[in-house]
Every structure is written in structure tokens, then in C-alpha cells.
PDB file of N, CA and C in Angstrom:
ATOM      1  N   MET A   1      26.015 -16.897 -16.569  1.00  0.00           N
ATOM      2  CA  MET A   1      25.098 -15.903 -16.078  1.00  0.00           C
ATOM      3  C   MET A   1      24.024 -16.596 -15.252  1.00  0.00           C
ATOM      4  N   ILE A   2      23.742 -16.053 -14.090  1.00  0.00           N
ATOM      5  CA  ILE A   2      22.752 -16.633 -13.196  1.00  0.00           C
ATOM      6  C   ILE A   2      21.376 -16.109 -13.571  1.00  0.00           C
ATOM      7  N   LYS A   3      20.436 -17.022 -13.710  1.00  0.00           N
ATOM      8  CA  LYS A   3      19.063 -16.620 -13.999  1.00  0.00           C
ATOM      9  C   LYS A   3      18.218 -16.882 -12.760  1.00  0.00           C
ATOM     10  N   PHE A   4      17.364 -15.936 -12.455  1.00  0.00           N
ATOM     11  CA  PHE A   4      16.484 -16.067 -11.305  1.00  0.00           C
ATOM     12  C   PHE A   4      15.088 -16.428 -11.777  1.00  0.00           C
ATOM     13  N   ARG A   5      14.401 -17.178 -10.951  1.00  0.00           N
ATOM     14  CA  ARG A   5      13.003 -17.440 -11.224  1.00  0.00           C
ATOM     15  C   ARG A   5      12.183 -16.216 -10.857  1.00  0.00           C
ATOM     16  N   SER A   6      10.981 -16.121 -11.398  1.00  0.00           N
ATOM     17  CA  SER A   6      10.167 -14.926 -11.166  1.00  0.00           C
ATOM     18  C   SER A   6       9.806 -14.784  -9.689  1.00  0.00           C
ATOM     19  N   LYS A   7       9.630 -15.901  -8.981  1.00  0.00           N
ATOM     20  CA  LYS A   7       9.314 -15.827  -7.557  1.00  0.00           C
ATOM     21  C   LYS A   7      10.489 -15.229  -6.787  1.00  0.00           C
ATOM     22  N   ASP A   8      11.699 -15.610  -7.170  1.00  0.00           N
ATOM     23  CA  ASP A   8      12.884 -15.069  -6.514  1.00  0.00           C
ATOM     24  C   ASP A   8      13.028 -13.578  -6.782  1.00  0.00           C
ATOM     25  N   THR A   9      12.761 -13.142  -8.005  1.00  0.00           N
ATOM     26  CA  THR A   9      12.908 -11.723  -8.321  1.00  0.00           C
ATOM     27  C   THR A   9      11.853 -10.895  -7.608  1.00  0.00           C
ATOM     28  N   LYS A  10      10.644 -11.431  -7.446  1.00  0.00           N
ATOM     29  CA  LYS A  10       9.618 -10.707  -6.687  1.00  0.00           C
ATOM     30  C   LYS A  10      10.061 -10.510  -5.245  1.00  0.00           C
ATOM     31  N   GLN A  11      10.610 -11.558  -4.659  1.00  0.00           N
ATOM     32  CA  GLN A  11      11.068 -11.449  -3.276  1.00  0.00           C
ATOM     33  C   GLN A  11      12.245 -10.483  -3.173  1.00  0.00           C
ATOM     34  N   MET A  12      13.119 -10.501  -4.172  1.00  0.00           N
ATOM     35  CA  MET A  12      14.238  -9.563  -4.169  1.00  0.00           C
ATOM     36  C   MET A  12      13.747  -8.121  -4.263  1.00  0.00           C
ATOM     37  N   LYS A  13      12.721  -7.866  -5.077  1.00  0.00           N
ATOM     38  CA  LYS A  13      12.158  -6.517  -5.180  1.00  0.00           C
ATOM     39  C   LYS A  13      11.572  -6.075  -3.846  1.00  0.00           C
ATOM     40  N   ARG A  14      10.820  -6.975  -3.196  1.00  0.00           N
ATOM     41  CA  ARG A  14      10.205  -6.627  -1.917  1.00  0.00           C
ATOM     42  C   ARG A  14      11.268  -6.342  -0.864  1.00  0.00           C
ATOM     43  N   ASP A  15      12.325  -7.145  -0.860  1.00  0.00           N
ATOM     44  CA  ASP A  15      13.411  -6.920   0.095  1.00  0.00           C
ATOM     45  C   ASP A  15      14.107  -5.588  -0.165  1.00  0.00           C
ATOM     46  N   ARG A  16      14.270  -5.231  -1.436  1.00  0.00           N
ATOM     47  CA  ARG A  16      14.909  -3.963  -1.781  1.00  0.00           C
ATOM     48  C   ARG A  16      14.071  -2.779  -1.298  1.00  0.00           C
ATOM     49  N   VAL A  17      12.750  -2.855  -1.496  1.00  0.00           N
ATOM     50  CA  VAL A  17      11.862  -1.786  -1.026  1.00  0.00           C
ATOM     51  C   VAL A  17      11.908  -1.696   0.488  1.00  0.00           C
ATOM     52  N   LYS A  18      11.925  -2.842   1.156  1.00  0.00           N
ATOM     53  CA  LYS A  18      11.966  -2.853   2.618  1.00  0.00           C
ATOM     54  C   LYS A  18      13.264  -2.247   3.145  1.00  0.00           C
ATOM     55  N   ARG A  19      14.383  -2.548   2.494  1.00  0.00           N
ATOM     56  CA  ARG A  19      15.666  -1.963   2.903  1.00  0.00           C
ATOM     57  C   ARG A  19      15.657  -0.453   2.752  1.00  0.00           C
ATOM     58  N   LYS A  20      15.123   0.051   1.635  1.00  0.00           N
ATOM     59  CA  LYS A  20      15.067   1.497   1.416  1.00  0.00           C
ATOM     60  C   LYS A  20      14.139   2.156   2.426  1.00  0.00           C
ATOM     61  N   PHE A  21      13.033   1.494   2.727  1.00  0.00           N
ATOM     62  CA  PHE A  21      12.076   2.033   3.690  1.00  0.00           C
ATOM     63  C   PHE A  21      12.704   2.125   5.075  1.00  0.00           C
ATOM     64  N   ASN A  22      13.433   1.086   5.484  1.00  0.00           N
ATOM     65  CA  ASN A  22      14.056   1.087   6.804  1.00  0.00           C
ATOM     66  C   ASN A  22      15.280   1.993   6.867  1.00  0.00           C
ATOM     67  N   ALA A  23      15.907   2.270   5.733  1.00  0.00           N
ATOM     68  CA  ALA A  23      17.084   3.137   5.727  1.00  0.00           C
ATOM     69  C   ALA A  23      16.710   4.595   5.960  1.00  0.00           C
ATOM     70  N   ASN A  24      15.507   4.989   5.559  1.00  0.00           N
ATOM     71  CA  ASN A  24      15.058   6.366   5.750  1.00  0.00           C
ATOM     72  C   ASN A  24      14.502   6.511   7.156  1.00  0.00           C
ATOM     73  N   HIS A  25      15.239   7.172   8.029  1.00  0.00           N
ATOM     74  CA  HIS A  25      14.839   7.277   9.426  1.00  0.00           C
ATOM     75  C   HIS A  25      13.566   8.099   9.592  1.00  0.00           C
ATOM     76  N   HIS A  26      13.335   9.047   8.704  1.00  0.00           N
ATOM     77  CA  HIS A  26      12.135   9.862   8.832  1.00  0.00           C
ATOM     78  C   HIS A  26      10.878   9.093   8.430  1.00  0.00           C
ATOM     79  N   LEU A  27      11.004   7.995   7.702  1.00  0.00           N
ATOM     80  CA  LEU A  27       9.850   7.185   7.333  1.00  0.00           C
ATOM     81  C   LEU A  27       9.581   6.073   8.337  1.00  0.00           C
ATOM     82  N   ARG A  28      10.570   5.734   9.129  1.00  0.00           N
ATOM     83  CA  ARG A  28      10.466   4.568   9.994  1.00  0.00           C
ATOM     84  C   ARG A  28       9.399   4.731  11.075  1.00  0.00           C
ATOM     85  N   ASN A  29       9.207   5.936  11.580  1.00  0.00           N
ATOM     86  CA  ASN A  29       8.269   6.147  12.678  1.00  0.00           C
ATOM     87  C   ASN A  29       6.945   6.733  12.212  1.00  0.00           C
ATOM     88  N   LYS A  30       6.556   6.479  10.969  1.00  0.00           N
ATOM     89  CA  LYS A  30       5.280   6.947  10.445  1.00  0.00           C
ATOM     90  C   LYS A  30       4.399   5.745  10.125  1.00  0.00           C
ATOM     91  N   SER A  31       3.108   5.976  10.135  1.00  0.00           N
ATOM     92  CA  SER A  31       2.199   4.913   9.737  1.00  0.00           C
ATOM     93  C   SER A  31       2.179   4.824   8.216  1.00  0.00           C
ATOM     94  N   SER A  32       1.821   3.655   7.712  1.00  0.00           N
ATOM     95  CA  SER A  32       1.893   3.443   6.272  1.00  0.00           C
ATOM     96  C   SER A  32       0.697   2.642   5.784  1.00  0.00           C
ATOM     97  N   VAL A  33       0.481   2.714   4.482  1.00  0.00           N
ATOM     98  CA  VAL A  33      -0.511   1.891   3.801  1.00  0.00           C
ATOM     99  C   VAL A  33       0.264   0.966   2.875  1.00  0.00           C
ATOM    100  N   CYS A  34       0.116  -0.325   3.095  1.00  0.00           N
ATOM    101  CA  CYS A  34       0.827  -1.336   2.319  1.00  0.00           C
ATOM    102  C   CYS A  34      -0.158  -1.986   1.344  1.00  0.00           C
ATOM    103  N   VAL A  35       0.259  -2.166   0.101  1.00  0.00           N
ATOM    104  CA  VAL A  35      -0.612  -2.697  -0.940  1.00  0.00           C
ATOM    105  C   VAL A  35      -0.102  -4.064  -1.375  1.00  0.00           C
ATOM    106  N   PHE A  36      -1.039  -5.005  -1.530  1.00  0.00           N
ATOM    107  CA  PHE A  36      -0.718  -6.297  -2.133  1.00  0.00           C
ATOM    108  C   PHE A  36      -1.668  -6.514  -3.295  1.00  0.00           C
ATOM    109  N   ARG A  37      -1.121  -6.958  -4.422  1.00  0.00           N
ATOM    110  CA  ARG A  37      -1.908  -7.133  -5.635  1.00  0.00           C
ATOM    111  C   ARG A  37      -1.802  -8.582  -6.086  1.00  0.00           C
ATOM    112  N   SER A  38      -2.949  -9.227  -6.264  1.00  0.00           N
ATOM    113  CA  SER A  38      -2.974 -10.550  -6.876  1.00  0.00           C
ATOM    114  C   SER A  38      -3.696 -10.423  -8.217  1.00  0.00           C
ATOM    115  N   ASN A  39      -3.894 -11.531  -8.903  1.00  0.00           N
ATOM    116  CA  ASN A  39      -4.559 -11.457 -10.202  1.00  0.00           C
ATOM    117  C   ASN A  39      -6.023 -11.067 -10.076  1.00  0.00           C
ATOM    118  N   LYS A  40      -6.683 -11.491  -8.998  1.00  0.00           N
ATOM    119  CA  LYS A  40      -8.114 -11.226  -8.853  1.00  0.00           C
ATOM    120  C   LYS A  40      -8.429 -10.099  -7.891  1.00  0.00           C
ATOM    121  N   ASN A  41      -7.605  -9.878  -6.888  1.00  0.00           N
ATOM    122  CA  ASN A  41      -7.933  -8.918  -5.836  1.00  0.00           C
ATOM    123  C   ASN A  41      -6.785  -7.960  -5.586  1.00  0.00           C
ATOM    124  N   ILE A  42      -7.102  -6.895  -4.847  1.00  0.00           N
ATOM    125  CA  ILE A  42      -6.086  -5.975  -4.363  1.00  0.00           C
ATOM    126  C   ILE A  42      -6.412  -5.672  -2.913  1.00  0.00           C
ATOM    127  N   TYR A  43      -5.398  -5.648  -2.075  1.00  0.00           N
ATOM    128  CA  TYR A  43      -5.556  -5.460  -0.645  1.00  0.00           C
ATOM    129  C   TYR A  43      -4.779  -4.223  -0.223  1.00  0.00           C
ATOM    130  N   ALA A  44      -5.366  -3.445   0.683  1.00  0.00           N
ATOM    131  CA  ALA A  44      -4.678  -2.292   1.258  1.00  0.00           C
ATOM    132  C   ALA A  44      -4.727  -2.446   2.770  1.00  0.00           C
ATOM    133  N   SER A  45      -3.578  -2.378   3.430  1.00  0.00           N
ATOM    134  CA  SER A  45      -3.487  -2.553   4.879  1.00  0.00           C
ATOM    135  C   SER A  45      -2.926  -1.291   5.508  1.00  0.00           C
ATOM    136  N   TYR A  46      -3.541  -0.857   6.608  1.00  0.00           N
ATOM    137  CA  TYR A  46      -3.044   0.289   7.361  1.00  0.00           C
ATOM    138  C   TYR A  46      -2.170  -0.243   8.484  1.00  0.00           C
ATOM    139  N   ILE A  47      -0.911   0.195   8.522  1.00  0.00           N
ATOM    140  CA  ILE A  47       0.052  -0.251   9.524  1.00  0.00           C
ATOM    141  C   ILE A  47       0.490   0.970  10.307  1.00  0.00           C
ATOM    142  N   ASP A  48       0.347   0.914  11.638  1.00  0.00           N
ATOM    143  CA  ASP A  48       0.698   2.083  12.451  1.00  0.00           C
ATOM    144  C   ASP A  48       2.207   2.169  12.643  1.00  0.00           C
ATOM    145  N   ALA A  49       2.647   3.178  13.386  1.00  0.00           N
ATOM    146  CA  ALA A  49       4.080   3.445  13.550  1.00  0.00           C
ATOM    147  C   ALA A  49       4.796   2.326  14.305  1.00  0.00           C
ATOM    148  N   ASN A  50       4.067   1.530  15.085  1.00  0.00           N
ATOM    149  CA  ASN A  50       4.671   0.424  15.828  1.00  0.00           C
ATOM    150  C   ASN A  50       4.771  -0.854  15.002  1.00  0.00           C
ATOM    151  N   GLY A  51       4.235  -0.848  13.779  1.00  0.00           N
ATOM    152  CA  GLY A  51       4.304  -2.019  12.920  1.00  0.00           C
ATOM    153  C   GLY A  51       3.141  -2.968  13.078  1.00  0.00           C
ATOM    154  N   VAL A  52       2.042  -2.509  13.674  1.00  0.00           N
ATOM    155  CA  VAL A  52       0.867  -3.348  13.885  1.00  0.00           C
ATOM    156  C   VAL A  52      -0.164  -3.027  12.808  1.00  0.00           C
ATOM    157  N   CYS A  53      -0.684  -4.059  12.155  1.00  0.00           N
ATOM    158  CA  CYS A  53      -1.712  -3.877  11.134  1.00  0.00           C
ATOM    159  C   CYS A  53      -3.050  -3.653  11.829  1.00  0.00           C
ATOM    160  N   LEU A  54      -3.638  -2.481  11.622  1.00  0.00           N
ATOM    161  CA  LEU A  54      -4.897  -2.149  12.277  1.00  0.00           C
ATOM    162  C   LEU A  54      -6.112  -2.411  11.399  1.00  0.00           C
ATOM    163  N   GLN A  55      -5.961  -2.316  10.083  1.00  0.00           N
ATOM    164  CA  GLN A  55      -7.104  -2.493   9.192  1.00  0.00           C
ATOM    165  C   GLN A  55      -6.621  -2.985   7.838  1.00  0.00           C
ATOM    166  N   THR A  56      -7.353  -3.932   7.269  1.00  0.00           N
ATOM    167  CA  THR A  56      -7.109  -4.393   5.909  1.00  0.00           C
ATOM    168  C   THR A  56      -8.413  -4.295   5.139  1.00  0.00           C
ATOM    169  N   ILE A  57      -8.352  -3.698   3.965  1.00  0.00           N
ATOM    170  CA  ILE A  57      -9.555  -3.498   3.159  1.00  0.00           C
ATOM    171  C   ILE A  57      -9.348  -4.145   1.799  1.00  0.00           C
ATOM    172  N   THR A  58     -10.354  -4.879   1.349  1.00  0.00           N
ATOM    173  CA  THR A  58     -10.384  -5.433   0.006  1.00  0.00           C
ATOM    174  C   THR A  58     -11.837  -5.522  -0.430  1.00  0.00           C
ATOM    175  N   LEU A  59     -12.066  -5.631  -1.707  1.00  0.00           N
ATOM    176  CA  LEU A  59     -13.388  -5.879  -2.261  1.00  0.00           C
ATOM    177  C   LEU A  59     -13.322  -7.187  -3.033  1.00  0.00           C
ATOM    178  N   THR A  60     -14.426  -7.924  -3.060  1.00  0.00           N
ATOM    179  CA  THR A  60     -14.424  -9.169  -3.814  1.00  0.00           C
ATOM    180  C   THR A  60     -14.359  -8.846  -5.302  1.00  0.00           C
ATOM    181  N   ASN A  61     -13.548  -9.600  -5.999  1.00  0.00           N
ATOM    182  CA  ASN A  61     -13.321  -9.420  -7.436  1.00  0.00           C
ATOM    183  C   ASN A  61     -12.889  -7.994  -7.763  1.00  0.00           C
ATOM    184  N   SER A  62     -11.902  -7.501  -7.024  1.00  0.00           N
ATOM    185  CA  SER A  62     -11.401  -6.144  -7.266  1.00  0.00           C
ATOM    186  C   SER A  62     -10.226  -6.192  -8.231  1.00  0.00           C
ATOM    187  N   GLY A  63     -10.436  -6.809  -9.379  1.00  0.00           N
ATOM    188  CA  GLY A  63      -9.363  -7.006 -10.332  1.00  0.00           C
ATOM    189  C   GLY A  63      -9.240  -5.923 -11.370  1.00  0.00           C
ATOM    190  N   ASN A  64     -10.001  -4.826 -11.247  1.00  0.00           N
ATOM    191  CA  ASN A  64      -9.856  -3.757 -12.226  1.00  0.00           C
ATOM    192  C   ASN A  64      -9.553  -2.435 -11.523  1.00  0.00           C
ATOM    193  N   ILE A  65      -9.271  -1.418 -12.312  1.00  0.00           N
ATOM    194  CA  ILE A  65      -8.809  -0.145 -11.765  1.00  0.00           C
ATOM    195  C   ILE A  65      -9.911   0.557 -10.986  1.00  0.00           C
ATOM    196  N   ALA A  66     -11.156   0.468 -11.434  1.00  0.00           N
ATOM    197  CA  ALA A  66     -12.256   1.136 -10.737  1.00  0.00           C
ATOM    198  C   ALA A  66     -12.448   0.560  -9.333  1.00  0.00           C
ATOM    199  N   GLN A  67     -12.379  -0.753  -9.214  1.00  0.00           N
ATOM    200  CA  GLN A  67     -12.520  -1.382  -7.897  1.00  0.00           C
ATOM    201  C   GLN A  67     -11.322  -1.056  -7.010  1.00  0.00           C
ATOM    202  N   ALA A  68     -10.129  -0.983  -7.595  1.00  0.00           N
ATOM    203  CA  ALA A  68      -8.939  -0.637  -6.815  1.00  0.00           C
ATOM    204  C   ALA A  68      -9.051   0.783  -6.278  1.00  0.00           C
ATOM    205  N   LYS A  69      -9.625   1.685  -7.065  1.00  0.00           N
ATOM    206  CA  LYS A  69      -9.815   3.060  -6.603  1.00  0.00           C
ATOM    207  C   LYS A  69     -10.799   3.100  -5.440  1.00  0.00           C
ATOM    208  N   LYS A  70     -11.840   2.255  -5.489  1.00  0.00           N
ATOM    209  CA  LYS A  70     -12.795   2.174  -4.376  1.00  0.00           C
ATOM    210  C   LYS A  70     -12.117   1.669  -3.106  1.00  0.00           C
ATOM    211  N   VAL A  71     -11.190   0.723  -3.258  1.00  0.00           N
ATOM    212  CA  VAL A  71     -10.434   0.233  -2.099  1.00  0.00           C
ATOM    213  C   VAL A  71      -9.643   1.377  -1.481  1.00  0.00           C
ATOM    214  N   GLY A  72      -9.007   2.192  -2.312  1.00  0.00           N
ATOM    215  CA  GLY A  72      -8.261   3.342  -1.815  1.00  0.00           C
ATOM    216  C   GLY A  72      -9.153   4.372  -1.140  1.00  0.00           C
ATOM    217  N   GLU A  73     -10.330   4.623  -1.719  1.00  0.00           N
ATOM    218  CA  GLU A  73     -11.261   5.583  -1.113  1.00  0.00           C
ATOM    219  C   GLU A  73     -11.755   5.083   0.239  1.00  0.00           C
ATOM    220  N   LYS A  74     -12.061   3.782   0.323  1.00  0.00           N
ATOM    221  CA  LYS A  74     -12.500   3.224   1.608  1.00  0.00           C
ATOM    222  C   LYS A  74     -11.398   3.308   2.653  1.00  0.00           C
ATOM    223  N   MET A  75     -10.155   3.060   2.243  1.00  0.00           N
ATOM    224  CA  MET A  75      -9.038   3.160   3.178  1.00  0.00           C
ATOM    225  C   MET A  75      -8.866   4.598   3.642  1.00  0.00           C
ATOM    226  N   GLY A  76      -8.979   5.551   2.734  1.00  0.00           N
ATOM    227  CA  GLY A  76      -8.873   6.956   3.105  1.00  0.00           C
ATOM    228  C   GLY A  76      -9.978   7.384   4.052  1.00  0.00           C
ATOM    229  N   GLN A  77     -11.202   6.923   3.804  1.00  0.00           N
ATOM    230  CA  GLN A  77     -12.319   7.244   4.698  1.00  0.00           C
ATOM    231  C   GLN A  77     -12.108   6.623   6.067  1.00  0.00           C
ATOM    232  N   TRP A  78     -11.583   5.405   6.117  1.00  0.00           N
ATOM    233  CA  TRP A  78     -11.333   4.759   7.410  1.00  0.00           C
ATOM    234  C   TRP A  78     -10.266   5.515   8.188  1.00  0.00           C
ATOM    235  N   ILE A  79      -9.207   5.941   7.511  1.00  0.00           N
ATOM    236  CA  ILE A  79      -8.139   6.689   8.186  1.00  0.00           C
ATOM    237  C   ILE A  79      -8.682   8.000   8.733  1.00  0.00           C
ATOM    238  N   LYS A  80      -9.524   8.685   7.942  1.00  0.00           N
ATOM    239  CA  LYS A  80     -10.081   9.966   8.399  1.00  0.00           C
ATOM    240  C   LYS A  80     -11.022   9.778   9.585  1.00  0.00           C
ATOM    241  N   SER A  81     -11.780   8.679   9.612  1.00  0.00           N
ATOM    242  CA  SER A  81     -12.758   8.494  10.687  1.00  0.00           C
ATOM    243  C   SER A  81     -12.125   7.950  11.963  1.00  0.00           C
ATOM    244  N   LYS A  82     -11.196   7.015  11.848  1.00  0.00           N
ATOM    245  CA  LYS A  82     -10.623   6.385  13.042  1.00  0.00           C
ATOM    246  C   LYS A  82      -9.385   7.102  13.557  1.00  0.00           C
ATOM    247  N   MET A  83      -8.542   7.553  12.654  1.00  0.00           N
ATOM    248  CA  MET A  83      -7.298   8.231  13.022  1.00  0.00           C
ATOM    249  C   MET A  83      -7.457   9.714  12.722  1.00  0.00           C
ATOM    250  N   LYS A  84      -8.133  10.418  13.613  1.00  0.00           N
ATOM    251  CA  LYS A  84      -8.514  11.801  13.339  1.00  0.00           C
ATOM    252  C   LYS A  84      -7.321  12.742  13.228  1.00  0.00           C
ATOM    253  N   ASP A  85      -6.231  12.471  13.939  1.00  0.00           N
ATOM    254  CA  ASP A  85      -5.066  13.347  13.872  1.00  0.00           C
ATOM    255  C   ASP A  85      -4.125  12.983  12.722  1.00  0.00           C
ATOM    256  N   GLN A  86      -4.423  11.918  11.997  1.00  0.00           N
ATOM    257  CA  GLN A  86      -3.564  11.451  10.909  1.00  0.00           C
ATOM    258  C   GLN A  86      -3.849  12.248   9.643  1.00  0.00           C
ATOM    259  N   LYS A  87      -2.860  12.984   9.159  1.00  0.00           N
ATOM    260  CA  LYS A  87      -3.024  13.786   7.949  1.00  0.00           C
ATOM    261  C   LYS A  87      -2.278  13.183   6.756  1.00  0.00           C
ATOM    262  N   SER A  88      -1.234  12.398   7.042  1.00  0.00           N
ATOM    263  CA  SER A  88      -0.458  11.817   5.948  1.00  0.00           C
ATOM    264  C   SER A  88       0.008  10.412   6.327  1.00  0.00           C
ATOM    265  N   VAL A  89       0.214   9.594   5.310  1.00  0.00           N
ATOM    266  CA  VAL A  89       0.734   8.243   5.488  1.00  0.00           C
ATOM    267  C   VAL A  89       1.819   8.003   4.445  1.00  0.00           C
ATOM    268  N   VAL A  90       2.612   6.976   4.673  1.00  0.00           N
ATOM    269  CA  VAL A  90       3.615   6.541   3.708  1.00  0.00           C
ATOM    270  C   VAL A  90       2.982   5.427   2.881  1.00  0.00           C
ATOM    271  N   PHE A  91       3.091   5.516   1.568  1.00  0.00           N
ATOM    272  CA  PHE A  91       2.511   4.512   0.677  1.00  0.00           C
ATOM    273  C   PHE A  91       3.582   3.488   0.334  1.00  0.00           C
ATOM    274  N   ASN A  92       3.376   2.243   0.772  1.00  0.00           N
ATOM    275  CA  ASN A  92       4.310   1.153   0.504  1.00  0.00           C
ATOM    276  C   ASN A  92       3.724   0.307  -0.620  1.00  0.00           C
ATOM    277  N   ARG A  93       4.334   0.379  -1.801  1.00  0.00           N
ATOM    278  CA  ARG A  93       3.809  -0.353  -2.951  1.00  0.00           C
ATOM    279  C   ARG A  93       4.247  -1.809  -2.955  1.00  0.00           C
ATOM    280  N   ASN A  94       5.088  -2.204  -2.004  1.00  0.00           N
ATOM    281  CA  ASN A  94       5.449  -3.603  -1.765  1.00  0.00           C
ATOM    282  C   ASN A  94       6.121  -4.264  -2.971  1.00  0.00           C
ATOM    283  N   GLY A  95       6.933  -3.510  -3.706  1.00  0.00           N
ATOM    284  CA  GLY A  95       7.656  -4.079  -4.831  1.00  0.00           C
ATOM    285  C   GLY A  95       6.900  -4.079  -6.138  1.00  0.00           C
ATOM    286  N   PHE A  96       5.633  -3.698  -6.139  1.00  0.00           N
ATOM    287  CA  PHE A  96       4.857  -3.629  -7.370  1.00  0.00           C
ATOM    288  C   PHE A  96       5.103  -2.286  -8.044  1.00  0.00           C
ATOM    289  N   LEU A  97       4.993  -2.252  -9.362  1.00  0.00           N
ATOM    290  CA  LEU A  97       5.166  -1.004 -10.090  1.00  0.00           C
ATOM    291  C   LEU A  97       4.044  -0.033  -9.739  1.00  0.00           C
ATOM    292  N   TYR A  98       4.389   1.246  -9.678  1.00  0.00           N
ATOM    293  CA  TYR A  98       3.395   2.284  -9.397  1.00  0.00           C
ATOM    294  C   TYR A  98       2.659   2.585 -10.700  1.00  0.00           C
ATOM    295  N   HIS A  99       1.737   1.695 -11.033  1.00  0.00           N
ATOM    296  CA  HIS A  99       1.045   1.772 -12.311  1.00  0.00           C
ATOM    297  C   HIS A  99      -0.240   0.968 -12.195  1.00  0.00           C
ATOM    298  N   GLY A 100      -1.285   1.388 -12.861  1.00  0.00           N
ATOM    299  CA  GLY A 100      -2.518   0.624 -12.920  1.00  0.00           C
ATOM    300  C   GLY A 100      -3.262   0.583 -11.603  1.00  0.00           C
ATOM    301  N   ARG A 101      -3.482  -0.627 -11.090  1.00  0.00           N
ATOM    302  CA  ARG A 101      -4.283  -0.790  -9.872  1.00  0.00           C
ATOM    303  C   ARG A 101      -3.596  -0.242  -8.638  1.00  0.00           C
ATOM    304  N   VAL A 102      -2.273  -0.355  -8.565  1.00  0.00           N
ATOM    305  CA  VAL A 102      -1.543   0.179  -7.407  1.00  0.00           C
ATOM    306  C   VAL A 102      -1.662   1.700  -7.386  1.00  0.00           C
ATOM    307  N   LYS A 103      -1.532   2.324  -8.537  1.00  0.00           N
ATOM    308  CA  LYS A 103      -1.686   3.774  -8.641  1.00  0.00           C
ATOM    309  C   LYS A 103      -3.121   4.189  -8.325  1.00  0.00           C
ATOM    310  N   ALA A 104      -4.109   3.384  -8.724  1.00  0.00           N
ATOM    311  CA  ALA A 104      -5.507   3.699  -8.452  1.00  0.00           C
ATOM    312  C   ALA A 104      -5.792   3.691  -6.953  1.00  0.00           C
ATOM    313  N   VAL A 105      -5.188   2.773  -6.214  1.00  0.00           N
ATOM    314  CA  VAL A 105      -5.352   2.757  -4.754  1.00  0.00           C
ATOM    315  C   VAL A 105      -4.785   4.040  -4.161  1.00  0.00           C
ATOM    316  N   ALA A 106      -3.603   4.440  -4.617  1.00  0.00           N
ATOM    317  CA  ALA A 106      -2.988   5.670  -4.115  1.00  0.00           C
ATOM    318  C   ALA A 106      -3.840   6.887  -4.460  1.00  0.00           C
ATOM    319  N   ASP A 107      -4.395   6.921  -5.669  1.00  0.00           N
ATOM    320  CA  ASP A 107      -5.247   8.042  -6.064  1.00  0.00           C
ATOM    321  C   ASP A 107      -6.517   8.099  -5.223  1.00  0.00           C
ATOM    322  N   GLY A 108      -7.085   6.936  -4.900  1.00  0.00           N
ATOM    323  CA  GLY A 108      -8.275   6.907  -4.049  1.00  0.00           C
ATOM    324  C   GLY A 108      -7.995   7.434  -2.654  1.00  0.00           C
ATOM    325  N   ILE A 109      -6.833   7.106  -2.111  1.00  0.00           N
ATOM    326  CA  ILE A 109      -6.455   7.610  -0.787  1.00  0.00           C
ATOM    327  C   ILE A 109      -6.250   9.117  -0.845  1.00  0.00           C
ATOM    328  N   LYS A 110      -5.592   9.592  -1.905  1.00  0.00           N
ATOM    329  CA  LYS A 110      -5.358  11.033  -2.055  1.00  0.00           C
ATOM    330  C   LYS A 110      -6.663  11.806  -2.200  1.00  0.00           C
ATOM    331  N   GLU A 111      -7.619  11.251  -2.951  1.00  0.00           N
ATOM    332  CA  GLU A 111      -8.889  11.941  -3.173  1.00  0.00           C
ATOM    333  C   GLU A 111      -9.716  12.062  -1.902  1.00  0.00           C
ATOM    334  N   SER A 112      -9.497  11.182  -0.950  1.00  0.00           N
ATOM    335  CA  SER A 112     -10.245  11.285   0.302  1.00  0.00           C
ATOM    336  C   SER A 112      -9.584  12.240   1.286  1.00  0.00           C
ATOM    337  N   GLY A 113      -8.492  12.891   0.889  1.00  0.00           N
ATOM    338  CA  GLY A 113      -7.913  13.954   1.698  1.00  0.00           C
ATOM    339  C   GLY A 113      -6.692  13.578   2.512  1.00  0.00           C
ATOM    340  N   ILE A 114      -6.126  12.404   2.291  1.00  0.00           N
ATOM    341  CA  ILE A 114      -4.933  11.971   3.014  1.00  0.00           C
ATOM    342  C   ILE A 114      -3.721  12.218   2.121  1.00  0.00           C
ATOM    343  N   LEU A 115      -2.686  12.819   2.677  1.00  0.00           N
ATOM    344  CA  LEU A 115      -1.466  13.078   1.917  1.00  0.00           C
ATOM    345  C   LEU A 115      -0.584  11.835   1.895  1.00  0.00           C
ATOM    346  N   ILE A 116       0.012  11.576   0.743  1.00  0.00           N
ATOM    347  CA  ILE A 116       0.936  10.445   0.605  1.00  0.00           C
ATOM    348  C   ILE A 116       2.313  11.001   0.329  1.00  0.00           C
TER     349      ILE A 116
END
């Protein structure tokens, strides 16, 4: 039986999410919010339909759920102010489970009026 290291399995998860994202043609031409989670921080990046990262938001020491929710709220406010015609985005969890801080970022974006 082949055993994978945790770094390999993380990369495999990210590749699987990317394949599913690219397979859905209706998602390919939409802008998205991509989330990266480390032990101390959480990052949310706005990527437009052409694949260009326009904004990345993080807070220092955003290692808890309350700070992650603030990151999501700031991202939602930025989308509403800069991208006035943007009503919805695709949420890319980047292979992380939709739980805890990742879910808090999504909830913060939803609370600011952006559909996911």
C-alpha cells in the first residue's frame, strides 16, 4: 500500500478542486474569492474572470474565527465598493475543509451582501 506524505495529499486535494473548478464551464468565466489558511493567518484573494488577482486581504494574527470573519467582511466591502456590478462570486476553498475559519470568511462575504 502506498502512503502519501501530508504535503503530497494537500497538493492532491488542491489539484482535485482545481480540476473540478475548471471542468464546470459555467464557473470558469466568473470571478472568484480564493482562500488560503495557515496556522497564524488567513488570506482572501479576489481573482477576476481573466485569472488576475486584483486584491488580497489579510489581518495580522488572524488565527481565530472572529478575525477570519472580519477578513470576509472586508473582502465583501471591497467587492461592493470597487466592483459595483458584481453581485456574486465563486468561493474557492483551495482544498481546505469548509469548516471553522474558512467558513467564517465565507459567512463574512455573505453578510456584506455578496452571493456565493
